[in-house]
C-alpha atoms as a PDB file:
ATOM      1  CA  MET A   1       7.724  34.684   6.219  1.00  0.00           C
ATOM      2  CA  ASP A   2       5.699  31.828   5.535  1.00  0.00           C
ATOM      3  CA  VAL A   3       6.893  30.223   2.024  1.00  0.00           C
ATOM      4  CA  VAL A   4       3.148  29.076   0.088  1.00  0.00           C
ATOM      5  CA  VAL A   5       4.130  26.848  -3.249  1.00  0.00           C
ATOM      6  CA  GLU A   6       0.751  26.841  -5.059  1.00  0.00           C
ATOM      7  CA  ARG A   7       1.274  23.858  -7.042  1.00  0.00           C
ATOM      8  CA  CYS A   8       2.755  20.285  -5.912  1.00  0.00           C
ATOM      9  CA  ALA A   9       2.742  17.258  -7.127  1.00  0.00           C
ATOM     10  CA  GLY A  10       4.100  13.809  -6.054  1.00  0.00           C
ATOM     11  CA  LEU A  11       4.823   9.686  -6.949  1.00  0.00           C
ATOM     12  CA  ASP A  12       3.921   6.770  -5.251  1.00  0.00           C
ATOM     13  CA  VAL A  13       5.912   4.479  -6.940  1.00  0.00           C
ATOM     14  CA  HIS A  14       5.212   0.378  -5.922  1.00  0.00           C
ATOM     15  CA  LYS A  15       6.460  -2.535  -7.944  1.00  0.00           C
ATOM     16  CA  ASP A  16       3.158  -3.084  -9.127  1.00  0.00           C
ATOM     17  CA  THR A  17       1.610   0.183  -9.366  1.00  0.00           C
ATOM     18  CA  VAL A  18       2.213   4.155  -9.415  1.00  0.00           C
ATOM     19  CA  VAL A  19      -0.493   6.882  -7.969  1.00  0.00           C
ATOM     20  CA  ALA A  20       0.173  10.488  -8.730  1.00  0.00           C
ATOM     21  CA  CYS A  21      -1.340  13.259  -6.814  1.00  0.00           C
ATOM     22  CA  VAL A  22      -1.299  16.896  -7.783  1.00  0.00           C
ATOM     23  CA  ARG A  23      -2.511  19.889  -5.772  1.00  0.00           C
ATOM     24  CA  VAL A  24      -3.393  23.404  -7.977  1.00  0.00           C
ATOM     25  CA  PRO A  25      -5.336  26.438  -6.714  1.00  0.00           C
ATOM     26  CA  ALA A  26      -8.759  26.195  -7.271  1.00  0.00           C
ATOM     27  CA  PRO A  27     -11.264  28.878  -8.937  1.00  0.00           C
ATOM     28  CA  GLY A  28     -12.326  31.136  -6.134  1.00  0.00           C
ATOM     29  CA  GLY A  29      -9.808  30.375  -3.534  1.00  0.00           C
ATOM     30  CA  GLY A  30      -8.486  27.256  -1.507  1.00  0.00           C
ATOM     31  CA  ARG A  31      -6.536  24.377  -3.478  1.00  0.00           C
ATOM     32  CA  ARG A  32      -7.920  21.233  -5.901  1.00  0.00           C
ATOM     33  CA  ARG A  33      -6.724  18.040  -6.176  1.00  0.00           C
ATOM     34  CA  ALA A  34      -6.399  14.983  -8.897  1.00  0.00           C
ATOM     35  CA  LEU A  35      -5.236  11.587  -7.646  1.00  0.00           C
ATOM     36  CA  ARG A  36      -4.500   8.839 -11.084  1.00  0.00           C
ATOM     37  CA  GLY A  37      -3.581   5.220 -10.047  1.00  0.00           C
ATOM     38  CA  LEU A  38      -1.788   3.315 -13.084  1.00  0.00           C
ATOM     39  CA  GLY A  39      -1.158  -0.158 -11.701  1.00  0.00           C
ATOM     40  CA  ARG A  40      -2.268  -4.786 -12.167  1.00  0.00           C
END
């Protein structure tokens, strides 16, 4: 049986920047992705 994770997040951390990505279920099926970045 395959395991399906409905919600997940990741961080990409560098010296001057940080980027976050979040994947969540979308209305009507599928996935929705949001990216946010902070840095100089």
